[in-house]
């Protein structure tokens, strides 16, 4: 059943923009070559540095793109950002300049990790890259002017899934304590799209059930929905959500991830984790790309408000 009649009028133009996008093995090379965002000019209020740091044991070094306000004073809170792309596409180097305004407005630091992509690197390669980058930021916090008590994770889509997984991994390893997890329509559950009775109105646009199966198959190295999938790959598989950092989550009512995100928020709350959840009617995956829409503006306002509270700004 078509969901077009439910789409908010201001984001309808995005449907045609993304109509030709297909996440398939055959299209993967072309998708990776295409820029994820429009070019963003440097912001003279923000300093951008790329630092190469040790990767996981036995793996290659990784890059961290670090943004800091030029006139920063005192230890800064840090947003540790993980980019999206269905686990198969995307580059931190292309996304990081989009965060200049965020860093300038909040007066915080932001580090975005260049993790390895699937299917060339299946689980657990990428999440271990993310952990290695987080470890480096904690271990070099003093020299980088970072307040270790105000470090949290943020990500969108697959990056939101990795951010949630990293929160679980950090809790379980007990080496670093995170202050928050900021999850934008996170990709949390490999079982989504594999059910015999799928939701009739979600996942028609931008990120579909078939795209989801491809992304999860690439990450897991096998078909999604089976037994023994690690919660560090699919956070929705975690049976214990206690002791996780406070969470902010939003998603769209037409997003494929609607039900997995709703359920994760519910389970976090039942586990005693403070959680703020927002559901945007008429919104599909990536709706903020219609930057002047009321949906995008409200999502930005709520997101900034949550980050200010999390980082005590």
C-alpha atoms as a PDB file:
ATOM      1  CA  UNK A   1       0.000   0.000   0.000  1.00  0.00           C
ATOM      2  CA  UNK A   2       1.367   3.430  -0.942  1.00  0.00           C
ATOM      3  CA  UNK A   3       2.165   5.876   1.860  1.00  0.00           C
ATOM      4  CA  UNK A   4       2.443   8.942  -0.388  1.00  0.00           C
ATOM      5  CA  UNK A   5      -0.799  10.435   0.910  1.00  0.00           C
ATOM      6  CA  UNK A   6       0.710  10.397   4.411  1.00  0.00           C
ATOM      7  CA  UNK A   7       3.896  12.258   3.441  1.00  0.00           C
ATOM      8  CA  UNK A   8       4.218  15.804   4.736  1.00  0.00           C
ATOM      9  CA  UNK A   9       3.744  18.163   1.779  1.00  0.00           C
ATOM     10  CA  UNK A  10       7.002  20.036   2.400  1.00  0.00           C
ATOM     11  CA  UNK A  11       9.170  16.945   1.944  1.00  0.00           C
ATOM     12  CA  UNK A  12       7.352  15.414  -1.033  1.00  0.00           C
ATOM     13  CA  UNK A  13      10.022  16.782  -3.454  1.00  0.00           C
ATOM     14  CA  UNK A  14      12.575  14.490  -1.805  1.00  0.00           C
ATOM     15  CA  UNK A  15      10.689  11.471  -3.158  1.00  0.00           C
ATOM     16  CA  UNK A  16      11.655  12.291  -6.738  1.00  0.00           C
ATOM     17  CA  UNK A  17      15.212  13.216  -5.785  1.00  0.00           C
ATOM     18  CA  UNK A  18      15.812   9.784  -4.282  1.00  0.00           C
ATOM     19  CA  UNK A  19      13.581   7.760  -6.608  1.00  0.00           C
ATOM     20  CA  UNK A  20      16.505   6.502  -8.671  1.00  0.00           C
ATOM     21  CA  UNK A  21      18.665   5.532  -5.690  1.00  0.00           C
ATOM     22  CA  UNK A  22      18.984   1.767  -5.305  1.00  0.00           C
ATOM     23  CA  UNK A  23      21.101   0.126  -2.629  1.00  0.00           C
ATOM     24  CA  UNK A  24      22.155  -3.070  -4.354  1.00  0.00           C
ATOM     25  CA  UNK A  25      25.483  -4.919  -4.740  1.00  0.00           C
ATOM     26  CA  UNK A  26      25.578  -3.865  -8.396  1.00  0.00           C
ATOM     27  CA  UNK A  27      25.152  -0.173  -7.541  1.00  0.00           C
ATOM     28  CA  UNK A  28      27.558  -0.117  -4.603  1.00  0.00           C
ATOM     29  CA  UNK A  29      30.586   1.330  -6.427  1.00  0.00           C
ATOM     30  CA  UNK A  30      28.542   4.144  -7.937  1.00  0.00           C
ATOM     31  CA  UNK A  31      26.902   4.910  -4.616  1.00  0.00           C
ATOM     32  CA  UNK A  32      30.290   5.208  -2.939  1.00  0.00           C
ATOM     33  CA  UNK A  33      31.580   7.554  -5.623  1.00  0.00           C
ATOM     34  CA  UNK A  34      28.583   9.875  -5.351  1.00  0.00           C
ATOM     35  CA  UNK A  35      28.913  12.600  -2.688  1.00  0.00           C
ATOM     36  CA  UNK A  36      26.550  12.133   0.235  1.00  0.00           C
ATOM     37  CA  UNK A  37      26.094  15.863   0.774  1.00  0.00           C
ATOM     38  CA  UNK A  38      26.567  19.103  -1.099  1.00  0.00           C
ATOM     39  CA  UNK A  39      30.014  20.685  -0.672  1.00  0.00           C
ATOM     40  CA  UNK A  40      30.244  22.752   2.497  1.00  0.00           C
ATOM     41  CA  UNK A  41      32.708  25.658   2.712  1.00  0.00           C
ATOM     42  CA  UNK A  42      34.984  25.867   5.763  1.00  0.00           C
ATOM     43  CA  UNK A  43      33.679  27.913   8.686  1.00  0.00           C
ATOM     44  CA  UNK A  44      36.314  30.276  10.092  1.00  0.00           C
ATOM     45  CA  UNK A  45      34.804  29.882  13.570  1.00  0.00           C
ATOM     46  CA  UNK A  46      35.813  26.200  13.639  1.00  0.00           C
ATOM     47  CA  UNK A  47      39.128  24.374  13.351  1.00  0.00           C
ATOM     48  CA  UNK A  48      39.162  21.064  11.435  1.00  0.00           C
ATOM     49  CA  UNK A  49      41.961  18.552  11.938  1.00  0.00           C
ATOM     50  CA  UNK A  50      42.335  14.989  10.672  1.00  0.00           C
ATOM     51  CA  UNK A  51      44.290  12.762  13.067  1.00  0.00           C
ATOM     52  CA  UNK A  52      45.395   9.214  12.263  1.00  0.00           C
ATOM     53  CA  UNK A  53      45.208   7.013  15.352  1.00  0.00           C
ATOM     54  CA  UNK A  54      45.791   3.313  16.103  1.00  0.00           C
ATOM     55  CA  UNK A  55      42.994   1.044  14.987  1.00  0.00           C
ATOM     56  CA  UNK A  56      41.913  -2.197  16.689  1.00  0.00           C
ATOM     57  CA  UNK A  57      44.566  -4.804  17.432  1.00  0.00           C
ATOM     58  CA  UNK A  58      45.822  -6.305  14.189  1.00  0.00           C
ATOM     59  CA  UNK A  59      43.965  -3.787  12.003  1.00  0.00           C
ATOM     60  CA  UNK A  60      44.990  -0.646  10.144  1.00  0.00           C
ATOM     61  CA  UNK A  61      45.091   2.816  11.674  1.00  0.00           C
ATOM     62  CA  UNK A  62      41.937   4.927  11.449  1.00  0.00           C
ATOM     63  CA  UNK A  63      41.248   8.608  10.857  1.00  0.00           C
ATOM     64  CA  UNK A  64      39.421  10.887  13.249  1.00  0.00           C
ATOM     65  CA  UNK A  65      38.118  14.198  11.952  1.00  0.00           C
ATOM     66  CA  UNK A  66      38.123  16.595  14.891  1.00  0.00           C
ATOM     67  CA  UNK A  67      36.297  19.919  14.981  1.00  0.00           C
ATOM     68  CA  UNK A  68      36.851  22.478  17.741  1.00  0.00           C
ATOM     69  CA  UNK A  69      35.750  26.101  18.137  1.00  0.00           C
ATOM     70  CA  UNK A  70      38.585  28.493  17.290  1.00  0.00           C
ATOM     71  CA  UNK A  71      38.025  30.523  20.458  1.00  0.00           C
ATOM     72  CA  UNK A  72      37.443  27.557  22.765  1.00  0.00           C
ATOM     73  CA  UNK A  73      38.124  28.090  26.471  1.00  0.00           C
ATOM     74  CA  UNK A  74      38.418  25.446  29.158  1.00  0.00           C
ATOM     75  CA  UNK A  75      37.753  21.700  28.792  1.00  0.00           C
ATOM     76  CA  UNK A  76      35.110  21.110  26.133  1.00  0.00           C
ATOM     77  CA  UNK A  77      32.367  18.503  25.951  1.00  0.00           C
ATOM     78  CA  UNK A  78      32.774  16.111  23.034  1.00  0.00           C
ATOM     79  CA  UNK A  79      30.310  14.654  20.548  1.00  0.00           C
ATOM     80  CA  UNK A  80      31.757  11.421  19.176  1.00  0.00           C
ATOM     81  CA  UNK A  81      30.015  11.130  15.827  1.00  0.00           C
ATOM     82  CA  UNK A  82      29.489   8.052  13.628  1.00  0.00           C
ATOM     83  CA  UNK A  83      28.233   8.629  10.081  1.00  0.00           C
ATOM     84  CA  UNK A  84      25.384   6.747   8.435  1.00  0.00           C
ATOM     85  CA  UNK A  85      25.166   4.943   5.113  1.00  0.00           C
ATOM     86  CA  UNK A  86      23.593   1.559   5.748  1.00  0.00           C
ATOM     87  CA  UNK A  87      26.976   0.156   6.882  1.00  0.00           C
ATOM     88  CA  UNK A  88      28.018   0.063   3.211  1.00  0.00           C
ATOM     89  CA  UNK A  89      28.571   3.675   2.085  1.00  0.00           C
ATOM     90  CA  UNK A  90      29.579   7.046   3.512  1.00  0.00           C
ATOM     91  CA  UNK A  91      32.691   8.876   4.627  1.00  0.00           C
ATOM     92  CA  UNK A  92      33.337  10.890   7.749  1.00  0.00           C
ATOM     93  CA  UNK A  93      35.519  13.183   5.644  1.00  0.00           C
ATOM     94  CA  UNK A  94      32.485  14.169   3.546  1.00  0.00           C
ATOM     95  CA  UNK A  95      30.104  14.584   6.461  1.00  0.00           C
ATOM     96  CA  UNK A  96      32.244  16.358   9.032  1.00  0.00           C
ATOM     97  CA  UNK A  97      31.972  19.880   7.600  1.00  0.00           C
ATOM     98  CA  UNK A  98      28.196  19.666   7.984  1.00  0.00           C
ATOM     99  CA  UNK A  99      28.821  19.774  11.713  1.00  0.00           C
ATOM    100  CA  UNK A 100      30.719  23.072  11.738  1.00  0.00           C
ATOM    101  CA  UNK A 101      27.608  25.065  12.606  1.00  0.00           C
ATOM    102  CA  UNK A 102      26.767  22.645  15.408  1.00  0.00           C
ATOM    103  CA  UNK A 103      30.246  22.986  16.923  1.00  0.00           C
ATOM    104  CA  UNK A 104      30.210  26.777  16.607  1.00  0.00           C
ATOM    105  CA  UNK A 105      26.731  27.148  18.082  1.00  0.00           C
ATOM    106  CA  UNK A 106      27.209  24.770  21.005  1.00  0.00           C
ATOM    107  CA  UNK A 107      30.848  25.576  21.727  1.00  0.00           C
ATOM    108  CA  UNK A 108      31.729  21.879  21.900  1.00  0.00           C
ATOM    109  CA  UNK A 109      34.216  19.589  20.187  1.00  0.00           C
ATOM    110  CA  UNK A 110      33.201  16.903  17.705  1.00  0.00           C
ATOM    111  CA  UNK A 111      35.165  13.888  16.494  1.00  0.00           C
ATOM    112  CA  UNK A 112      33.915  11.806  13.569  1.00  0.00           C
ATOM    113  CA  UNK A 113      35.413   8.367  12.970  1.00  0.00           C
ATOM    114  CA  UNK A 114      36.341   6.944   9.550  1.00  0.00           C
ATOM    115  CA  UNK A 115      35.342   3.323  10.116  1.00  0.00           C
ATOM    116  CA  UNK A 116      35.730   0.478   7.624  1.00  0.00           C
ATOM    117  CA  UNK A 117      32.707  -0.351   5.499  1.00  0.00           C
ATOM    118  CA  UNK A 118      30.928  -3.629   4.786  1.00  0.00           C
ATOM    119  CA  UNK A 119      30.889  -5.987   2.977  1.00  0.00           C
ATOM    120  CA  UNK A 120      34.679  -5.740   2.651  1.00  0.00           C
ATOM    121  CA  UNK A 121      34.883  -5.484   6.441  1.00  0.00           C
ATOM    122  CA  UNK A 122      32.083  -7.426   8.138  1.00  0.00           C
ATOM    123  CA  UNK A 123      31.216  -7.309  11.834  1.00  0.00           C
ATOM    124  CA  UNK A 124      32.988  -6.686  14.193  1.00  0.00           C
ATOM    125  CA  UNK A 125      35.473  -4.594  12.182  1.00  0.00           C
ATOM    126  CA  UNK A 126      33.565  -1.312  12.050  1.00  0.00           C
ATOM    127  CA  UNK A 127      32.378  -1.258  15.665  1.00  0.00           C
ATOM    128  CA  UNK A 128      35.922  -2.034  16.821  1.00  0.00           C
ATOM    129  CA  UNK A 129      37.144   0.903  14.706  1.00  0.00           C
ATOM    130  CA  UNK A 130      34.573   3.087  16.440  1.00  0.00           C
ATOM    131  CA  UNK A 131      35.703   1.838  19.847  1.00  0.00           C
ATOM    132  CA  UNK A 132      39.380   2.408  19.019  1.00  0.00           C
ATOM    133  CA  UNK A 133      38.669   6.004  18.033  1.00  0.00           C
ATOM    134  CA  UNK A 134      36.631   6.601  21.183  1.00  0.00           C
ATOM    135  CA  UNK A 135      39.426   5.118  23.300  1.00  0.00           C
ATOM    136  CA  UNK A 136      41.960   7.470  21.693  1.00  0.00           C
ATOM    137  CA  UNK A 137      39.797  10.512  22.415  1.00  0.00           C
ATOM    138  CA  UNK A 138      39.432   9.515  26.069  1.00  0.00           C
ATOM    139  CA  UNK A 139      43.118   8.733  26.462  1.00  0.00           C
ATOM    140  CA  UNK A 140      44.157  12.048  24.895  1.00  0.00           C
ATOM    141  CA  UNK A 141      41.391  14.117  26.448  1.00  0.00           C
ATOM    142  CA  UNK A 142      43.680  16.267  28.584  1.00  0.00           C
ATOM    143  CA  UNK A 143      45.979  17.332  25.763  1.00  0.00           C
ATOM    144  CA  UNK A 144      42.983  17.888  23.476  1.00  0.00           C
ATOM    145  CA  UNK A 145      41.119  20.006  26.018  1.00  0.00           C
ATOM    146  CA  UNK A 146      38.243  17.533  26.338  1.00  0.00           C
ATOM    147  CA  UNK A 147      36.138  17.071  29.469  1.00  0.00           C
ATOM    148  CA  UNK A 148      35.900  13.288  29.883  1.00  0.00           C
ATOM    149  CA  UNK A 149      32.760  13.673  31.997  1.00  0.00           C
ATOM    150  CA  UNK A 150      30.867  15.159  29.022  1.00  0.00           C
ATOM    151  CA  UNK A 151      31.622  12.769  26.172  1.00  0.00           C
ATOM    152  CA  UNK A 152      28.732  11.178  24.321  1.00  0.00           C
ATOM    153  CA  UNK A 153      27.986   9.376  21.064  1.00  0.00           C
ATOM    154  CA  UNK A 154      25.850  10.563  18.171  1.00  0.00           C
ATOM    155  CA  UNK A 155      24.882   9.046  14.840  1.00  0.00           C
ATOM    156  CA  UNK A 156      22.245   8.918  12.154  1.00  0.00           C
ATOM    157  CA  UNK A 157      20.714   5.794  10.583  1.00  0.00           C
ATOM    158  CA  UNK A 158      23.454   3.132  10.503  1.00  0.00           C
ATOM    159  CA  UNK A 159      25.608   5.591  12.434  1.00  0.00           C
ATOM    160  CA  UNK A 160      22.869   5.739  15.055  1.00  0.00           C
ATOM    161  CA  UNK A 161      22.941   1.945  15.204  1.00  0.00           C
ATOM    162  CA  UNK A 162      26.695   1.990  15.712  1.00  0.00           C
ATOM    163  CA  UNK A 163      26.329   4.738  18.342  1.00  0.00           C
ATOM    164  CA  UNK A 164      23.850   2.588  20.276  1.00  0.00           C
ATOM    165  CA  UNK A 165      26.120  -0.448  19.857  1.00  0.00           C
ATOM    166  CA  UNK A 166      29.112   1.574  21.052  1.00  0.00           C
ATOM    167  CA  UNK A 167      27.170   2.620  24.154  1.00  0.00           C
ATOM    168  CA  UNK A 168      26.554  -1.078  24.884  1.00  0.00           C
ATOM    169  CA  UNK A 169      30.181  -1.998  24.216  1.00  0.00           C
ATOM    170  CA  UNK A 170      31.542   0.816  26.392  1.00  0.00           C
ATOM    171  CA  UNK A 171      29.214  -0.199  29.219  1.00  0.00           C
ATOM    172  CA  UNK A 172      30.217  -3.851  29.004  1.00  0.00           C
ATOM    173  CA  UNK A 173      33.967  -3.289  28.735  1.00  0.00           C
ATOM    174  CA  UNK A 174      33.851  -0.771  31.562  1.00  0.00           C
ATOM    175  CA  UNK A 175      36.803   1.323  30.348  1.00  0.00           C
ATOM    176  CA  UNK A 176      35.041   4.559  29.369  1.00  0.00           C
ATOM    177  CA  UNK A 177      31.855   6.107  30.676  1.00  0.00           C
ATOM    178  CA  UNK A 178      29.626   7.881  28.172  1.00  0.00           C
ATOM    179  CA  UNK A 179      27.429  10.820  29.119  1.00  0.00           C
ATOM    180  CA  UNK A 180      24.760  10.355  26.448  1.00  0.00           C
ATOM    181  CA  UNK A 181      23.655   8.626  23.262  1.00  0.00           C
ATOM    182  CA  UNK A 182      22.033  10.805  20.588  1.00  0.00           C
ATOM    183  CA  UNK A 183      20.343   8.551  18.031  1.00  0.00           C
ATOM    184  CA  UNK A 184      18.705   9.870  14.854  1.00  0.00           C
ATOM    185  CA  UNK A 185      16.402   7.236  13.256  1.00  0.00           C
ATOM    186  CA  UNK A 186      18.919   4.583  14.316  1.00  0.00           C
ATOM    187  CA  UNK A 187      19.317   1.276  12.437  1.00  0.00           C
ATOM    188  CA  UNK A 188      19.048  -1.115  15.364  1.00  0.00           C
ATOM    189  CA  UNK A 189      17.467  -4.414  14.353  1.00  0.00           C
ATOM    190  CA  UNK A 190      18.539  -6.812  11.588  1.00  0.00           C
ATOM    191  CA  UNK A 191      15.118  -8.461  11.773  1.00  0.00           C
ATOM    192  CA  UNK A 192      13.309  -5.427  10.342  1.00  0.00           C
ATOM    193  CA  UNK A 193      12.066  -6.222   6.861  1.00  0.00           C
ATOM    194  CA  UNK A 194      12.330  -9.962   7.376  1.00  0.00           C
ATOM    195  CA  UNK A 195       8.916 -10.348   9.025  1.00  0.00           C
ATOM    196  CA  UNK A 196       6.023 -12.034   7.253  1.00  0.00           C
ATOM    197  CA  UNK A 197       3.655  -9.187   8.188  1.00  0.00           C
ATOM    198  CA  UNK A 198       5.592  -5.941   7.708  1.00  0.00           C
ATOM    199  CA  UNK A 199       4.208  -2.529   8.611  1.00  0.00           C
ATOM    200  CA  UNK A 200       2.110  -1.426   5.598  1.00  0.00           C
ATOM    201  CA  UNK A 201       3.177   2.245   5.560  1.00  0.00           C
ATOM    202  CA  UNK A 202       6.895   2.407   6.355  1.00  0.00           C
ATOM    203  CA  UNK A 203      10.011   2.072   4.247  1.00  0.00           C
ATOM    204  CA  UNK A 204       8.557   3.035   0.881  1.00  0.00           C
ATOM    205  CA  UNK A 205      10.984   5.905   0.340  1.00  0.00           C
ATOM    206  CA  UNK A 206      14.781   6.393   0.532  1.00  0.00           C
ATOM    207  CA  UNK A 207      15.609   3.325   2.681  1.00  0.00           C
ATOM    208  CA  UNK A 208      13.500   0.283   1.868  1.00  0.00           C
ATOM    209  CA  UNK A 209      13.230  -3.246   3.220  1.00  0.00           C
ATOM    210  CA  UNK A 210      15.362  -4.559   0.349  1.00  0.00           C
ATOM    211  CA  UNK A 211      18.043  -1.946   1.021  1.00  0.00           C
ATOM    212  CA  UNK A 212      17.903  -2.913   4.669  1.00  0.00           C
ATOM    213  CA  UNK A 213      18.450  -6.588   3.916  1.00  0.00           C
ATOM    214  CA  UNK A 214      21.443  -5.722   1.757  1.00  0.00           C
ATOM    215  CA  UNK A 215      22.975  -3.481   4.449  1.00  0.00           C
ATOM    216  CA  UNK A 216      22.532  -6.036   7.194  1.00  0.00           C
ATOM    217  CA  UNK A 217      23.723  -8.939   5.031  1.00  0.00           C
ATOM    218  CA  UNK A 218      26.860  -6.950   4.198  1.00  0.00           C
ATOM    219  CA  UNK A 219      27.543  -6.168   7.858  1.00  0.00           C
ATOM    220  CA  UNK A 220      26.791  -9.629   9.243  1.00  0.00           C
ATOM    221  CA  UNK A 221      28.279 -11.652   6.381  1.00  0.00           C
ATOM    222  CA  UNK A 222      25.063 -13.683   6.228  1.00  0.00           C
ATOM    223  CA  UNK A 223      21.338 -13.215   5.886  1.00  0.00           C
ATOM    224  CA  UNK A 224      19.793 -11.053   8.615  1.00  0.00           C
ATOM    225  CA  UNK A 225      17.148 -12.296  11.014  1.00  0.00           C
ATOM    226  CA  UNK A 226      18.881 -15.480  12.099  1.00  0.00           C
ATOM    227  CA  UNK A 227      20.027 -16.669  15.489  1.00  0.00           C
ATOM    228  CA  UNK A 228      23.016 -15.498  17.511  1.00  0.00           C
ATOM    229  CA  UNK A 229      23.345 -11.972  16.115  1.00  0.00           C
ATOM    230  CA  UNK A 230      25.516  -9.904  18.438  1.00  0.00           C
ATOM    231  CA  UNK A 231      23.989  -6.867  20.164  1.00  0.00           C
ATOM    232  CA  UNK A 232      27.175  -5.002  19.207  1.00  0.00           C
ATOM    233  CA  UNK A 233      26.008  -5.432  15.606  1.00  0.00           C
ATOM    234  CA  UNK A 234      22.253  -5.071  16.193  1.00  0.00           C
ATOM    235  CA  UNK A 235      21.581  -3.268  19.505  1.00  0.00           C
ATOM    236  CA  UNK A 236      17.935  -4.362  19.476  1.00  0.00           C
ATOM    237  CA  UNK A 237      19.240  -7.876  20.188  1.00  0.00           C
ATOM    238  CA  UNK A 238      20.573  -6.780  23.593  1.00  0.00           C
ATOM    239  CA  UNK A 239      18.654  -8.384  26.438  1.00  0.00           C
ATOM    240  CA  UNK A 240      19.961  -6.021  29.137  1.00  0.00           C
ATOM    241  CA  UNK A 241      19.747  -2.256  28.602  1.00  0.00           C
ATOM    242  CA  UNK A 242      20.386  -1.229  32.196  1.00  0.00           C
ATOM    243  CA  UNK A 243      23.246   1.111  32.964  1.00  0.00           C
ATOM    244  CA  UNK A 244      23.294   2.753  29.543  1.00  0.00           C
ATOM    245  CA  UNK A 245      23.701   6.532  29.200  1.00  0.00           C
ATOM    246  CA  UNK A 246      20.663   8.793  28.760  1.00  0.00           C
ATOM    247  CA  UNK A 247      19.248   8.657  25.238  1.00  0.00           C
ATOM    248  CA  UNK A 248      17.700  11.039  22.756  1.00  0.00           C
ATOM    249  CA  UNK A 249      15.967   9.363  19.793  1.00  0.00           C
ATOM    250  CA  UNK A 250      13.851  10.612  16.940  1.00  0.00           C
ATOM    251  CA  UNK A 251      12.431   8.994  13.850  1.00  0.00           C
ATOM    252  CA  UNK A 252       9.728   9.483  11.236  1.00  0.00           C
ATOM    253  CA  UNK A 253       6.327   7.819  11.203  1.00  0.00           C
ATOM    254  CA  UNK A 254       7.036   6.559   7.658  1.00  0.00           C
ATOM    255  CA  UNK A 255      10.617   5.495   8.316  1.00  0.00           C
ATOM    256  CA  UNK A 256      11.392   1.792   7.957  1.00  0.00           C
ATOM    257  CA  UNK A 257      12.955   1.961  11.441  1.00  0.00           C
ATOM    258  CA  UNK A 258       9.781   3.248  13.106  1.00  0.00           C
ATOM    259  CA  UNK A 259       8.893   0.155  15.098  1.00  0.00           C
ATOM    260  CA  UNK A 260      12.427  -0.880  16.078  1.00  0.00           C
ATOM    261  CA  UNK A 261      13.119   2.662  17.314  1.00  0.00           C
ATOM    262  CA  UNK A 262       9.862   2.846  19.239  1.00  0.00           C
ATOM    263  CA  UNK A 263      10.576  -0.496  20.857  1.00  0.00           C
ATOM    264  CA  UNK A 264      14.159   0.422  21.762  1.00  0.00           C
ATOM    265  CA  UNK A 265      12.980   3.637  23.425  1.00  0.00           C
ATOM    266  CA  UNK A 266      10.341   1.689  25.350  1.00  0.00           C
ATOM    267  CA  UNK A 267      12.875  -0.897  26.501  1.00  0.00           C
ATOM    268  CA  UNK A 268      15.382   1.779  27.536  1.00  0.00           C
ATOM    269  CA  UNK A 269      12.704   3.418  29.680  1.00  0.00           C
ATOM    270  CA  UNK A 270      11.777   0.071  31.251  1.00  0.00           C
ATOM    271  CA  UNK A 271      15.453  -0.468  32.052  1.00  0.00           C
ATOM    272  CA  UNK A 272      15.592   2.804  33.970  1.00  0.00           C
ATOM    273  CA  UNK A 273      17.492   4.726  31.293  1.00  0.00           C
ATOM    274  CA  UNK A 274      16.340   8.336  30.836  1.00  0.00           C
ATOM    275  CA  UNK A 275      15.069   8.588  27.270  1.00  0.00           C
ATOM    276  CA  UNK A 276      13.577  11.382  25.176  1.00  0.00           C
ATOM    277  CA  UNK A 277      11.759  10.186  22.060  1.00  0.00           C
ATOM    278  CA  UNK A 278      10.198  12.171  19.222  1.00  0.00           C
ATOM    279  CA  UNK A 279       8.088  10.856  16.352  1.00  0.00           C
ATOM    280  CA  UNK A 280       7.566  13.051  13.291  1.00  0.00           C
ATOM    281  CA  UNK A 281       4.328  12.441  11.376  1.00  0.00           C
ATOM    282  CA  UNK A 282       4.594  12.457   7.601  1.00  0.00           C
ATOM    283  CA  UNK A 283       8.362  11.936   7.717  1.00  0.00           C
ATOM    284  CA  UNK A 284      10.379   9.247   5.958  1.00  0.00           C
ATOM    285  CA  UNK A 285      14.078   8.399   6.255  1.00  0.00           C
ATOM    286  CA  UNK A 286      16.369  11.385   5.779  1.00  0.00           C
ATOM    287  CA  UNK A 287      13.562  13.955   5.919  1.00  0.00           C
ATOM    288  CA  UNK A 288      15.905  16.674   7.259  1.00  0.00           C
ATOM    289  CA  UNK A 289      17.406  16.974   3.768  1.00  0.00           C
ATOM    290  CA  UNK A 290      14.445  19.252   3.123  1.00  0.00           C
ATOM    291  CA  UNK A 291      16.253  21.742   5.329  1.00  0.00           C
ATOM    292  CA  UNK A 292      13.653  24.509   5.144  1.00  0.00           C
ATOM    293  CA  UNK A 293      10.717  22.258   6.038  1.00  0.00           C
ATOM    294  CA  UNK A 294       9.041  22.676   9.400  1.00  0.00           C
ATOM    295  CA  UNK A 295       9.908  19.045  10.169  1.00  0.00           C
ATOM    296  CA  UNK A 296      13.630  19.613   9.646  1.00  0.00           C
ATOM    297  CA  UNK A 297      13.622  22.831  11.652  1.00  0.00           C
ATOM    298  CA  UNK A 298      11.798  21.214  14.560  1.00  0.00           C
ATOM    299  CA  UNK A 299      14.111  18.190  14.491  1.00  0.00           C
ATOM    300  CA  UNK A 300      17.116  20.520  14.608  1.00  0.00           C
ATOM    301  CA  UNK A 301      15.642  22.515  17.493  1.00  0.00           C
ATOM    302  CA  UNK A 302      14.923  19.428  19.562  1.00  0.00           C
ATOM    303  CA  UNK A 303      18.304  17.915  18.755  1.00  0.00           C
ATOM    304  CA  UNK A 304      20.218  21.032  19.815  1.00  0.00           C
ATOM    305  CA  UNK A 305      18.181  21.332  22.988  1.00  0.00           C
ATOM    306  CA  UNK A 306      18.960  17.748  23.966  1.00  0.00           C
ATOM    307  CA  UNK A 307      22.675  18.150  23.244  1.00  0.00           C
ATOM    308  CA  UNK A 308      22.819  21.298  25.390  1.00  0.00           C
ATOM    309  CA  UNK A 309      21.284  19.418  28.300  1.00  0.00           C
ATOM    310  CA  UNK A 310      23.475  16.365  27.830  1.00  0.00           C
ATOM    311  CA  UNK A 311      26.656  18.467  27.720  1.00  0.00           C
ATOM    312  CA  UNK A 312      25.513  20.907  30.407  1.00  0.00           C
ATOM    313  CA  UNK A 313      25.862  23.955  28.165  1.00  0.00           C
END
